[in-house]
């Protein structure tokens, strides 16, 4: 990890963030850690246990300063805090332009409205100028192509799952979580829940043991196509954010909005639903158990396993719709 990029990125982004952002991320992680793990265990059927079946603490979670290497590099290459402030405010600028368009469209009638304060009778030019300013500032950000570059980052940018010296851990990056939440106008807590679910899904699909006590071979897991491993993490993050709606009613909406800043393997799970018409959760779970036993898995092999599993489940159980893809 380039420490110079990290320090420059932190210096650029930290002043733009809410003063309580770090504490809000930490609070959510503390309160949701166990419930997210329980939901992932329920969805995957996998357990963090030793070979003899004894429970073990797997993948501890920590909230850390800093950014993923690629995100830090992007900020370090574009260290203008004003530009990043505009990036974080894109949604608000867009709403401002929409609101001003509404007012200007209505203005011919408003100008004749008996309740319009006299001080606003000549406000149309000011409204037009404000709209022009907001629109031009949006174009400045678009011209810099930062958002498109963010979408093309091919690594987890809001958190990380690591395995070092046979020990696994999850890191949650509170700074990019806060700025992305601002960009998309969603709560920091909801973004954090999705990130926590995504990273813990990596841990469980890798090290969680199935009913036969088997886990995914480490080399096979990390050498498999990212469309498979990231697709699984996305699929289970989607499942968790959907199933926990009573506690976190806006988490699924946050998951969907985050997809607008993602691409490549982070959208792979969307394709899976085209290969089955039955219960998606069950299909993915059974296909995952087979895939794990093979070690390294290509995306083509994974999609073929999805199709094979679908056929087997249709014969056994019939066809049911999956609410995850129809909510």
C-alpha atoms as a PDB file:
ATOM      1  CA  UNK A   1       0.000   0.000   0.000  1.00  0.00           C
ATOM      2  CA  UNK A   2       1.447   3.368  -1.046  1.00  0.00           C
ATOM      3  CA  UNK A   3       1.708   5.335   2.209  1.00  0.00           C
ATOM      4  CA  UNK A   4       2.198   8.629   0.363  1.00  0.00           C
ATOM      5  CA  UNK A   5      -1.043   8.106  -1.558  1.00  0.00           C
ATOM      6  CA  UNK A   6      -2.810   7.235   1.683  1.00  0.00           C
ATOM      7  CA  UNK A   7      -1.596  10.323   3.540  1.00  0.00           C
ATOM      8  CA  UNK A   8      -2.476  12.626   0.628  1.00  0.00           C
ATOM      9  CA  UNK A   9      -5.917  11.072   0.256  1.00  0.00           C
ATOM     10  CA  UNK A  10      -6.651  11.363   3.974  1.00  0.00           C
ATOM     11  CA  UNK A  11      -5.513  14.999   4.028  1.00  0.00           C
ATOM     12  CA  UNK A  12      -7.767  15.779   1.057  1.00  0.00           C
ATOM     13  CA  UNK A  13     -10.915  13.954   2.114  1.00  0.00           C
ATOM     14  CA  UNK A  14     -11.046  14.080   5.926  1.00  0.00           C
ATOM     15  CA  UNK A  15     -11.944  17.823   6.171  1.00  0.00           C
ATOM     16  CA  UNK A  16     -14.938  17.245   3.879  1.00  0.00           C
ATOM     17  CA  UNK A  17     -16.541  14.609   6.097  1.00  0.00           C
ATOM     18  CA  UNK A  18     -19.086  15.029   8.908  1.00  0.00           C
ATOM     19  CA  UNK A  19     -17.276  15.266  12.272  1.00  0.00           C
ATOM     20  CA  UNK A  20     -19.231  12.286  13.618  1.00  0.00           C
ATOM     21  CA  UNK A  21     -18.759  10.056  10.560  1.00  0.00           C
ATOM     22  CA  UNK A  22     -16.161   7.737  12.087  1.00  0.00           C
ATOM     23  CA  UNK A  23     -18.184   7.269  15.268  1.00  0.00           C
ATOM     24  CA  UNK A  24     -21.341   6.498  13.274  1.00  0.00           C
ATOM     25  CA  UNK A  25     -19.544   3.809  11.287  1.00  0.00           C
ATOM     26  CA  UNK A  26     -18.067   2.292  14.451  1.00  0.00           C
ATOM     27  CA  UNK A  27     -21.430   2.316  16.218  1.00  0.00           C
ATOM     28  CA  UNK A  28     -23.149   0.525  13.341  1.00  0.00           C
ATOM     29  CA  UNK A  29     -20.419  -2.103  13.135  1.00  0.00           C
ATOM     30  CA  UNK A  30     -20.613  -2.719  16.875  1.00  0.00           C
ATOM     31  CA  UNK A  31     -24.392  -3.117  16.873  1.00  0.00           C
ATOM     32  CA  UNK A  32     -24.795  -4.989  13.577  1.00  0.00           C
ATOM     33  CA  UNK A  33     -21.751  -7.285  13.536  1.00  0.00           C
ATOM     34  CA  UNK A  34     -23.414 -10.296  15.130  1.00  0.00           C
ATOM     35  CA  UNK A  35     -26.799  -9.919  13.474  1.00  0.00           C
ATOM     36  CA  UNK A  36     -25.165  -9.687  10.037  1.00  0.00           C
ATOM     37  CA  UNK A  37     -23.097 -12.794  10.780  1.00  0.00           C
ATOM     38  CA  UNK A  38     -26.200 -14.672  11.894  1.00  0.00           C
ATOM     39  CA  UNK A  39     -28.016 -13.709   8.706  1.00  0.00           C
ATOM     40  CA  UNK A  40     -25.085 -14.786   6.515  1.00  0.00           C
ATOM     41  CA  UNK A  41     -24.925 -18.112   8.348  1.00  0.00           C
ATOM     42  CA  UNK A  42     -28.631 -18.555   7.717  1.00  0.00           C
ATOM     43  CA  UNK A  43     -28.328 -17.706   4.017  1.00  0.00           C
ATOM     44  CA  UNK A  44     -25.202 -19.750   3.285  1.00  0.00           C
ATOM     45  CA  UNK A  45     -25.534 -22.643   5.710  1.00  0.00           C
ATOM     46  CA  UNK A  46     -21.836 -22.108   6.551  1.00  0.00           C
ATOM     47  CA  UNK A  47     -20.321 -21.872  10.038  1.00  0.00           C
ATOM     48  CA  UNK A  48     -17.097 -20.459  11.433  1.00  0.00           C
ATOM     49  CA  UNK A  49     -15.945 -23.581  13.290  1.00  0.00           C
ATOM     50  CA  UNK A  50     -12.743 -25.571  13.713  1.00  0.00           C
ATOM     51  CA  UNK A  51     -12.342 -28.941  11.946  1.00  0.00           C
ATOM     52  CA  UNK A  52     -13.601 -30.681  15.092  1.00  0.00           C
ATOM     53  CA  UNK A  53     -16.773 -28.567  15.061  1.00  0.00           C
ATOM     54  CA  UNK A  54     -15.801 -26.228  17.890  1.00  0.00           C
ATOM     55  CA  UNK A  55     -16.938 -22.640  17.363  1.00  0.00           C
ATOM     56  CA  UNK A  56     -14.205 -20.128  16.588  1.00  0.00           C
ATOM     57  CA  UNK A  57     -14.060 -16.372  16.209  1.00  0.00           C
ATOM     58  CA  UNK A  58     -13.546 -15.813  12.505  1.00  0.00           C
ATOM     59  CA  UNK A  59     -12.671 -12.591  10.694  1.00  0.00           C
ATOM     60  CA  UNK A  60     -12.727  -9.913  13.417  1.00  0.00           C
ATOM     61  CA  UNK A  61     -13.929  -6.540  12.157  1.00  0.00           C
ATOM     62  CA  UNK A  62     -12.138  -3.234  12.628  1.00  0.00           C
ATOM     63  CA  UNK A  63     -12.954   0.289  11.436  1.00  0.00           C
ATOM     64  CA  UNK A  64      -9.833   1.925  10.027  1.00  0.00           C
ATOM     65  CA  UNK A  65      -8.608   5.212   8.584  1.00  0.00           C
ATOM     66  CA  UNK A  66      -7.634   5.388   4.962  1.00  0.00           C
ATOM     67  CA  UNK A  67      -8.711   4.014   1.616  1.00  0.00           C
ATOM     68  CA  UNK A  68      -8.250   1.039  -0.647  1.00  0.00           C
ATOM     69  CA  UNK A  69      -5.028   1.364  -2.712  1.00  0.00           C
ATOM     70  CA  UNK A  70      -6.832   2.248  -5.953  1.00  0.00           C
ATOM     71  CA  UNK A  71      -9.160   4.768  -4.295  1.00  0.00           C
ATOM     72  CA  UNK A  72      -6.231   6.369  -2.468  1.00  0.00           C
ATOM     73  CA  UNK A  73      -4.362   6.595  -5.774  1.00  0.00           C
ATOM     74  CA  UNK A  74      -7.323   8.272  -7.457  1.00  0.00           C
ATOM     75  CA  UNK A  75      -7.576  10.901  -4.709  1.00  0.00           C
ATOM     76  CA  UNK A  76      -3.802  11.400  -4.649  1.00  0.00           C
ATOM     77  CA  UNK A  77      -3.821  12.030  -8.402  1.00  0.00           C
ATOM     78  CA  UNK A  78      -6.651  14.546  -7.969  1.00  0.00           C
ATOM     79  CA  UNK A  79      -5.884  16.206  -4.598  1.00  0.00           C
ATOM     80  CA  UNK A  80      -8.168  19.196  -5.084  1.00  0.00           C
ATOM     81  CA  UNK A  81     -10.506  19.318  -2.038  1.00  0.00           C
ATOM     82  CA  UNK A  82     -12.938  21.657  -3.794  1.00  0.00           C
ATOM     83  CA  UNK A  83     -13.320  19.173  -6.636  1.00  0.00           C
ATOM     84  CA  UNK A  84     -13.996  16.344  -4.164  1.00  0.00           C
ATOM     85  CA  UNK A  85     -16.470  18.544  -2.301  1.00  0.00           C
ATOM     86  CA  UNK A  86     -18.348  18.950  -5.587  1.00  0.00           C
ATOM     87  CA  UNK A  87     -18.117  15.199  -6.205  1.00  0.00           C
ATOM     88  CA  UNK A  88     -19.639  14.522  -2.793  1.00  0.00           C
ATOM     89  CA  UNK A  89     -22.410  17.017  -3.533  1.00  0.00           C
ATOM     90  CA  UNK A  90     -23.394  15.796  -6.989  1.00  0.00           C
ATOM     91  CA  UNK A  91     -26.824  14.546  -5.943  1.00  0.00           C
ATOM     92  CA  UNK A  92     -27.608  17.779  -4.126  1.00  0.00           C
ATOM     93  CA  UNK A  93     -26.520  19.866  -7.106  1.00  0.00           C
ATOM     94  CA  UNK A  94     -28.742  17.740  -9.293  1.00  0.00           C
ATOM     95  CA  UNK A  95     -31.718  18.282  -6.990  1.00  0.00           C
ATOM     96  CA  UNK A  96     -30.998  22.014  -6.990  1.00  0.00           C
ATOM     97  CA  UNK A  97     -31.059  22.122 -10.793  1.00  0.00           C
ATOM     98  CA  UNK A  98     -34.296  20.095 -10.868  1.00  0.00           C
ATOM     99  CA  UNK A  99     -35.908  22.405  -8.313  1.00  0.00           C
ATOM    100  CA  UNK A 100     -34.893  25.526 -10.198  1.00  0.00           C
ATOM    101  CA  UNK A 101     -36.151  24.052 -13.462  1.00  0.00           C
ATOM    102  CA  UNK A 102     -39.479  23.495 -11.731  1.00  0.00           C
ATOM    103  CA  UNK A 103     -39.629  27.090 -10.458  1.00  0.00           C
ATOM    104  CA  UNK A 104     -38.635  28.611 -13.786  1.00  0.00           C
ATOM    105  CA  UNK A 105     -41.197  26.522 -15.631  1.00  0.00           C
ATOM    106  CA  UNK A 106     -43.841  27.756 -13.179  1.00  0.00           C
ATOM    107  CA  UNK A 107     -42.560  31.338 -13.066  1.00  0.00           C
ATOM    108  CA  UNK A 108     -44.900  32.881 -15.692  1.00  0.00           C
ATOM    109  CA  UNK A 109     -47.781  31.910 -13.418  1.00  0.00           C
ATOM    110  CA  UNK A 110     -45.950  32.689 -10.177  1.00  0.00           C
ATOM    111  CA  UNK A 111     -45.119  36.189 -11.422  1.00  0.00           C
ATOM    112  CA  UNK A 112     -48.872  36.918 -11.617  1.00  0.00           C
ATOM    113  CA  UNK A 113     -49.739  35.105  -8.382  1.00  0.00           C
ATOM    114  CA  UNK A 114     -51.427  37.353  -5.855  1.00  0.00           C
ATOM    115  CA  UNK A 115     -49.551  35.787  -2.929  1.00  0.00           C
ATOM    116  CA  UNK A 116     -46.066  36.271  -4.387  1.00  0.00           C
ATOM    117  CA  UNK A 117     -44.069  38.631  -2.120  1.00  0.00           C
ATOM    118  CA  UNK A 118     -43.207  41.887  -3.872  1.00  0.00           C
ATOM    119  CA  UNK A 119     -39.512  41.334  -3.135  1.00  0.00           C
ATOM    120  CA  UNK A 120     -39.587  38.299  -5.474  1.00  0.00           C
ATOM    121  CA  UNK A 121     -41.273  39.952  -8.423  1.00  0.00           C
ATOM    122  CA  UNK A 122     -38.002  40.246 -10.348  1.00  0.00           C
ATOM    123  CA  UNK A 123     -36.411  36.981  -9.099  1.00  0.00           C
ATOM    124  CA  UNK A 124     -36.440  35.137 -12.447  1.00  0.00           C
ATOM    125  CA  UNK A 125     -32.950  36.318 -13.540  1.00  0.00           C
ATOM    126  CA  UNK A 126     -31.485  35.297 -10.178  1.00  0.00           C
ATOM    127  CA  UNK A 127     -33.106  31.867 -10.456  1.00  0.00           C
ATOM    128  CA  UNK A 128     -31.766  31.436 -13.971  1.00  0.00           C
ATOM    129  CA  UNK A 129     -28.273  32.454 -12.857  1.00  0.00           C
ATOM    130  CA  UNK A 130     -28.341  30.067  -9.886  1.00  0.00           C
ATOM    131  CA  UNK A 131     -29.449  27.220 -12.144  1.00  0.00           C
ATOM    132  CA  UNK A 132     -26.637  28.048 -14.553  1.00  0.00           C
ATOM    133  CA  UNK A 133     -24.067  27.993 -11.734  1.00  0.00           C
ATOM    134  CA  UNK A 134     -25.256  24.636 -10.363  1.00  0.00           C
ATOM    135  CA  UNK A 135     -25.406  23.131 -13.837  1.00  0.00           C
ATOM    136  CA  UNK A 136     -21.916  24.331 -14.736  1.00  0.00           C
ATOM    137  CA  UNK A 137     -20.480  22.994 -11.476  1.00  0.00           C
ATOM    138  CA  UNK A 138     -21.965  19.586 -12.260  1.00  0.00           C
ATOM    139  CA  UNK A 139     -20.321  19.717 -15.672  1.00  0.00           C
ATOM    140  CA  UNK A 140     -16.953  20.524 -14.080  1.00  0.00           C
ATOM    141  CA  UNK A 141     -17.096  17.280 -12.094  1.00  0.00           C
ATOM    142  CA  UNK A 142     -18.253  15.294 -15.108  1.00  0.00           C
ATOM    143  CA  UNK A 143     -15.398  16.767 -17.164  1.00  0.00           C
ATOM    144  CA  UNK A 144     -12.910  15.495 -14.573  1.00  0.00           C
ATOM    145  CA  UNK A 145     -14.348  11.960 -15.075  1.00  0.00           C
ATOM    146  CA  UNK A 146     -13.697  11.115 -11.420  1.00  0.00           C
ATOM    147  CA  UNK A 147     -16.982   9.311 -10.920  1.00  0.00           C
ATOM    148  CA  UNK A 148     -16.420   7.142 -14.002  1.00  0.00           C
ATOM    149  CA  UNK A 149     -12.934   6.326 -12.732  1.00  0.00           C
ATOM    150  CA  UNK A 150     -14.408   5.375  -9.368  1.00  0.00           C
ATOM    151  CA  UNK A 151     -16.838   3.012 -11.073  1.00  0.00           C
ATOM    152  CA  UNK A 152     -13.989   1.251 -12.874  1.00  0.00           C
ATOM    153  CA  UNK A 153     -11.965   0.499  -9.738  1.00  0.00           C
ATOM    154  CA  UNK A 154     -11.661  -3.268  -9.682  1.00  0.00           C
ATOM    155  CA  UNK A 155     -11.295  -3.790  -5.941  1.00  0.00           C
ATOM    156  CA  UNK A 156     -13.370  -3.369  -2.786  1.00  0.00           C
ATOM    157  CA  UNK A 157     -13.197   0.360  -2.068  1.00  0.00           C
ATOM    158  CA  UNK A 158     -15.267   0.705   1.114  1.00  0.00           C
ATOM    159  CA  UNK A 159     -13.869  -2.246   3.027  1.00  0.00           C
ATOM    160  CA  UNK A 160     -11.505  -5.173   2.707  1.00  0.00           C
ATOM    161  CA  UNK A 161     -11.299  -8.874   3.538  1.00  0.00           C
ATOM    162  CA  UNK A 162      -7.738  -9.968   4.309  1.00  0.00           C
ATOM    163  CA  UNK A 163      -6.029 -13.252   5.106  1.00  0.00           C
ATOM    164  CA  UNK A 164      -2.472 -13.023   6.403  1.00  0.00           C
ATOM    165  CA  UNK A 165      -0.490 -15.709   8.213  1.00  0.00           C
ATOM    166  CA  UNK A 166      -3.570 -17.959   8.183  1.00  0.00           C
ATOM    167  CA  UNK A 167      -5.598 -15.335  10.046  1.00  0.00           C
ATOM    168  CA  UNK A 168      -8.525 -13.532   8.449  1.00  0.00           C
ATOM    169  CA  UNK A 169      -9.893 -10.106   9.225  1.00  0.00           C
ATOM    170  CA  UNK A 170     -12.304  -7.513   7.868  1.00  0.00           C
ATOM    171  CA  UNK A 171     -11.479  -3.828   7.605  1.00  0.00           C
ATOM    172  CA  UNK A 172     -14.135  -1.143   7.160  1.00  0.00           C
ATOM    173  CA  UNK A 173     -12.941   2.132   5.613  1.00  0.00           C
ATOM    174  CA  UNK A 174     -15.002   4.865   7.228  1.00  0.00           C
ATOM    175  CA  UNK A 175     -13.701   7.757   5.093  1.00  0.00           C
ATOM    176  CA  UNK A 176     -14.759   6.487   1.653  1.00  0.00           C
ATOM    177  CA  UNK A 177     -18.013   5.245   3.207  1.00  0.00           C
ATOM    178  CA  UNK A 178     -18.767   8.781   4.386  1.00  0.00           C
ATOM    179  CA  UNK A 179     -17.964  10.455   1.070  1.00  0.00           C
ATOM    180  CA  UNK A 180     -19.883   7.871  -0.978  1.00  0.00           C
ATOM    181  CA  UNK A 181     -22.868   8.239   1.344  1.00  0.00           C
ATOM    182  CA  UNK A 182     -22.763  11.975   0.673  1.00  0.00           C
ATOM    183  CA  UNK A 183     -22.463  11.447  -3.085  1.00  0.00           C
ATOM    184  CA  UNK A 184     -25.530   9.214  -3.165  1.00  0.00           C
ATOM    185  CA  UNK A 185     -27.454  11.005  -0.395  1.00  0.00           C
ATOM    186  CA  UNK A 186     -27.879   7.901   1.729  1.00  0.00           C
ATOM    187  CA  UNK A 187     -27.196   7.372   5.411  1.00  0.00           C
ATOM    188  CA  UNK A 188     -23.683   6.485   6.504  1.00  0.00           C
ATOM    189  CA  UNK A 189     -25.141   3.701   8.637  1.00  0.00           C
ATOM    190  CA  UNK A 190     -26.912   2.060   5.699  1.00  0.00           C
ATOM    191  CA  UNK A 191     -23.780   2.121   3.551  1.00  0.00           C
ATOM    192  CA  UNK A 192     -21.807   0.658   6.443  1.00  0.00           C
ATOM    193  CA  UNK A 193     -24.272  -2.200   6.876  1.00  0.00           C
ATOM    194  CA  UNK A 194     -23.976  -3.130   3.190  1.00  0.00           C
ATOM    195  CA  UNK A 195     -20.171  -2.988   3.325  1.00  0.00           C
ATOM    196  CA  UNK A 196     -20.090  -5.060   6.514  1.00  0.00           C
ATOM    197  CA  UNK A 197     -22.324  -7.695   4.923  1.00  0.00           C
ATOM    198  CA  UNK A 198     -20.226  -7.760   1.740  1.00  0.00           C
ATOM    199  CA  UNK A 199     -16.904  -8.242   3.546  1.00  0.00           C
ATOM    200  CA  UNK A 200     -18.253 -10.795   6.018  1.00  0.00           C
ATOM    201  CA  UNK A 201     -19.760 -12.679   3.080  1.00  0.00           C
ATOM    202  CA  UNK A 202     -16.220 -12.988   1.706  1.00  0.00           C
ATOM    203  CA  UNK A 203     -15.108 -14.423   5.038  1.00  0.00           C
ATOM    204  CA  UNK A 204     -17.938 -16.951   5.282  1.00  0.00           C
ATOM    205  CA  UNK A 205     -17.846 -18.111   1.667  1.00  0.00           C
ATOM    206  CA  UNK A 206     -14.089 -18.608   2.053  1.00  0.00           C
ATOM    207  CA  UNK A 207     -13.592 -20.005   5.565  1.00  0.00           C
ATOM    208  CA  UNK A 208     -17.082 -21.049   6.628  1.00  0.00           C
ATOM    209  CA  UNK A 209     -17.408 -24.803   6.940  1.00  0.00           C
ATOM    210  CA  UNK A 210     -20.251 -26.708   5.318  1.00  0.00           C
ATOM    211  CA  UNK A 211     -22.084 -29.692   6.778  1.00  0.00           C
ATOM    212  CA  UNK A 212     -19.125 -31.913   5.840  1.00  0.00           C
ATOM    213  CA  UNK A 213     -16.676 -29.637   7.624  1.00  0.00           C
ATOM    214  CA  UNK A 214     -15.094 -28.358   4.402  1.00  0.00           C
ATOM    215  CA  UNK A 215     -14.025 -24.803   3.587  1.00  0.00           C
ATOM    216  CA  UNK A 216     -12.891 -23.202   0.325  1.00  0.00           C
ATOM    217  CA  UNK A 217      -9.218 -23.900  -0.375  1.00  0.00           C
ATOM    218  CA  UNK A 218      -7.418 -20.582   0.145  1.00  0.00           C
ATOM    219  CA  UNK A 219      -5.537 -20.601  -3.145  1.00  0.00           C
ATOM    220  CA  UNK A 220      -8.678 -21.669  -4.971  1.00  0.00           C
ATOM    221  CA  UNK A 221     -10.689 -18.877  -3.370  1.00  0.00           C
ATOM    222  CA  UNK A 222      -8.245 -16.087  -4.218  1.00  0.00           C
ATOM    223  CA  UNK A 223      -7.461 -17.468  -7.702  1.00  0.00           C
ATOM    224  CA  UNK A 224     -11.124 -17.802  -8.688  1.00  0.00           C
ATOM    225  CA  UNK A 225     -12.642 -15.241 -11.031  1.00  0.00           C
ATOM    226  CA  UNK A 226     -13.618 -12.066  -9.192  1.00  0.00           C
ATOM    227  CA  UNK A 227     -16.997 -12.340 -10.895  1.00  0.00           C
ATOM    228  CA  UNK A 228     -17.519 -15.431  -8.716  1.00  0.00           C
ATOM    229  CA  UNK A 229     -16.110 -14.278  -5.371  1.00  0.00           C
ATOM    230  CA  UNK A 230     -17.317 -10.674  -5.645  1.00  0.00           C
ATOM    231  CA  UNK A 231     -20.598 -11.859  -7.104  1.00  0.00           C
ATOM    232  CA  UNK A 232     -21.163 -14.070  -4.068  1.00  0.00           C
ATOM    233  CA  UNK A 233     -20.296 -11.229  -1.685  1.00  0.00           C
ATOM    234  CA  UNK A 234     -22.707  -8.940  -3.530  1.00  0.00           C
ATOM    235  CA  UNK A 235     -25.437 -11.562  -3.617  1.00  0.00           C
ATOM    236  CA  UNK A 236     -25.262 -12.123   0.127  1.00  0.00           C
ATOM    237  CA  UNK A 237     -24.939  -8.405   0.890  1.00  0.00           C
ATOM    238  CA  UNK A 238     -28.143  -7.971  -1.098  1.00  0.00           C
ATOM    239  CA  UNK A 239     -29.787 -10.816   0.802  1.00  0.00           C
ATOM    240  CA  UNK A 240     -28.748  -9.490   4.203  1.00  0.00           C
ATOM    241  CA  UNK A 241     -29.812  -5.913   3.460  1.00  0.00           C
ATOM    242  CA  UNK A 242     -33.161  -7.250   2.260  1.00  0.00           C
ATOM    243  CA  UNK A 243     -33.790  -9.626   5.155  1.00  0.00           C
ATOM    244  CA  UNK A 244     -32.854  -7.091   7.844  1.00  0.00           C
ATOM    245  CA  UNK A 245     -35.361  -4.499   6.619  1.00  0.00           C
ATOM    246  CA  UNK A 246     -37.148  -4.317   9.960  1.00  0.00           C
ATOM    247  CA  UNK A 247     -33.988  -3.173  11.741  1.00  0.00           C
ATOM    248  CA  UNK A 248     -32.443  -1.318   8.812  1.00  0.00           C
ATOM    249  CA  UNK A 249     -35.293  -0.345   6.471  1.00  0.00           C
ATOM    250  CA  UNK A 250     -33.134   1.701   4.065  1.00  0.00           C
ATOM    251  CA  UNK A 251     -30.214  -0.718   3.735  1.00  0.00           C
ATOM    252  CA  UNK A 252     -31.532  -2.446   0.606  1.00  0.00           C
ATOM    253  CA  UNK A 253     -32.066   0.932  -1.064  1.00  0.00           C
ATOM    254  CA  UNK A 254     -28.461   1.779  -0.152  1.00  0.00           C
ATOM    255  CA  UNK A 255     -27.286  -1.471  -1.740  1.00  0.00           C
ATOM    256  CA  UNK A 256     -29.111  -0.623  -4.963  1.00  0.00           C
ATOM    257  CA  UNK A 257     -27.725   2.931  -5.055  1.00  0.00           C
ATOM    258  CA  UNK A 258     -24.183   1.693  -4.479  1.00  0.00           C
ATOM    259  CA  UNK A 259     -24.502  -0.384  -7.647  1.00  0.00           C
ATOM    260  CA  UNK A 260     -24.545   2.881  -9.633  1.00  0.00           C
ATOM    261  CA  UNK A 261     -20.902   3.419  -8.604  1.00  0.00           C
ATOM    262  CA  UNK A 262     -19.827  -0.145  -9.375  1.00  0.00           C
ATOM    263  CA  UNK A 263     -19.045  -2.161 -12.469  1.00  0.00           C
ATOM    264  CA  UNK A 264     -17.527  -5.435 -13.685  1.00  0.00           C
ATOM    265  CA  UNK A 265     -17.466  -8.253 -11.109  1.00  0.00           C
ATOM    266  CA  UNK A 266     -19.515  -6.164  -8.668  1.00  0.00           C
ATOM    267  CA  UNK A 267     -22.494  -6.475 -11.009  1.00  0.00           C
ATOM    268  CA  UNK A 268     -21.954 -10.157 -11.812  1.00  0.00           C
ATOM    269  CA  UNK A 269     -24.701 -11.308  -9.439  1.00  0.00           C
ATOM    270  CA  UNK A 270     -27.280  -9.524 -11.594  1.00  0.00           C
ATOM    271  CA  UNK A 271     -26.589 -11.913 -14.453  1.00  0.00           C
ATOM    272  CA  UNK A 272     -27.206 -15.001 -12.342  1.00  0.00           C
ATOM    273  CA  UNK A 273     -30.943 -14.426 -12.182  1.00  0.00           C
ATOM    274  CA  UNK A 274     -31.078 -14.875 -15.968  1.00  0.00           C
ATOM    275  CA  UNK A 275     -29.990 -18.485 -15.549  1.00  0.00           C
ATOM    276  CA  UNK A 276     -32.651 -19.607 -13.122  1.00  0.00           C
ATOM    277  CA  UNK A 277     -36.321 -18.993 -12.525  1.00  0.00           C
ATOM    278  CA  UNK A 278     -36.550 -20.769  -9.213  1.00  0.00           C
ATOM    279  CA  UNK A 279     -35.469 -19.860  -5.690  1.00  0.00           C
ATOM    280  CA  UNK A 280     -32.315 -17.806  -6.174  1.00  0.00           C
ATOM    281  CA  UNK A 281     -31.054 -18.143  -2.607  1.00  0.00           C
ATOM    282  CA  UNK A 282     -31.211 -21.917  -2.695  1.00  0.00           C
ATOM    283  CA  UNK A 283     -29.738 -22.115  -6.181  1.00  0.00           C
ATOM    284  CA  UNK A 284     -26.763 -19.932  -5.292  1.00  0.00           C
ATOM    285  CA  UNK A 285     -26.159 -21.758  -2.016  1.00  0.00           C
ATOM    286  CA  UNK A 286     -26.044 -25.212  -3.593  1.00  0.00           C
ATOM    287  CA  UNK A 287     -23.962 -23.989  -6.544  1.00  0.00           C
ATOM    288  CA  UNK A 288     -21.540 -22.326  -4.124  1.00  0.00           C
ATOM    289  CA  UNK A 289     -21.044 -25.539  -2.147  1.00  0.00           C
ATOM    290  CA  UNK A 290     -20.168 -27.423  -5.337  1.00  0.00           C
ATOM    291  CA  UNK A 291     -17.906 -24.626  -6.601  1.00  0.00           C
ATOM    292  CA  UNK A 292     -15.985 -24.440  -3.312  1.00  0.00           C
ATOM    293  CA  UNK A 293     -15.089 -28.113  -3.571  1.00  0.00           C
ATOM    294  CA  UNK A 294     -13.379 -27.499  -6.930  1.00  0.00           C
ATOM    295  CA  UNK A 295     -10.904 -24.884  -5.701  1.00  0.00           C
ATOM    296  CA  UNK A 296     -10.258 -22.358  -8.469  1.00  0.00           C
ATOM    297  CA  UNK A 297     -13.474 -21.516 -10.335  1.00  0.00           C
ATOM    298  CA  UNK A 298     -13.858 -19.570 -13.572  1.00  0.00           C
ATOM    299  CA  UNK A 299     -16.907 -17.452 -14.264  1.00  0.00           C
ATOM    300  CA  UNK A 300     -17.997 -19.792 -17.086  1.00  0.00           C
ATOM    301  CA  UNK A 301     -17.776 -22.766 -14.723  1.00  0.00           C
ATOM    302  CA  UNK A 302     -19.790 -20.878 -12.136  1.00  0.00           C
ATOM    303  CA  UNK A 303     -22.573 -19.955 -14.553  1.00  0.00           C
ATOM    304  CA  UNK A 304     -22.703 -23.548 -15.750  1.00  0.00           C
ATOM    305  CA  UNK A 305     -23.030 -24.728 -12.154  1.00  0.00           C
ATOM    306  CA  UNK A 306     -25.863 -22.230 -11.599  1.00  0.00           C
ATOM    307  CA  UNK A 307     -27.683 -23.713 -14.603  1.00  0.00           C
ATOM    308  CA  UNK A 308     -27.061 -27.304 -13.475  1.00  0.00           C
ATOM    309  CA  UNK A 309     -28.228 -26.552  -9.950  1.00  0.00           C
ATOM    310  CA  UNK A 310     -31.347 -24.847 -11.275  1.00  0.00           C
ATOM    311  CA  UNK A 311     -32.228 -27.922 -13.307  1.00  0.00           C
ATOM    312  CA  UNK A 312     -31.739 -30.219 -10.315  1.00  0.00           C
ATOM    313  CA  UNK A 313     -33.822 -28.043  -7.990  1.00  0.00           C
ATOM    314  CA  UNK A 314     -36.621 -27.694 -10.534  1.00  0.00           C
ATOM    315  CA  UNK A 315     -36.909 -31.449 -10.754  1.00  0.00           C
ATOM    316  CA  UNK A 316     -36.946 -31.784  -7.000  1.00  0.00           C
ATOM    317  CA  UNK A 317     -38.923 -28.803  -5.803  1.00  0.00           C
ATOM    318  CA  UNK A 318     -40.679 -27.132  -8.698  1.00  0.00           C
ATOM    319  CA  UNK A 319     -40.372 -23.515  -9.693  1.00  0.00           C
ATOM    320  CA  UNK A 320     -40.858 -20.630  -7.191  1.00  0.00           C
ATOM    321  CA  UNK A 321     -40.059 -16.954  -7.562  1.00  0.00           C
ATOM    322  CA  UNK A 322     -37.299 -15.369  -5.531  1.00  0.00           C
ATOM    323  CA  UNK A 323     -38.322 -12.177  -3.680  1.00  0.00           C
ATOM    324  CA  UNK A 324     -34.742 -10.924  -3.661  1.00  0.00           C
ATOM    325  CA  UNK A 325     -34.944 -10.144  -7.361  1.00  0.00           C
ATOM    326  CA  UNK A 326     -38.539  -8.955  -7.297  1.00  0.00           C
ATOM    327  CA  UNK A 327     -38.586  -6.548  -4.389  1.00  0.00           C
END
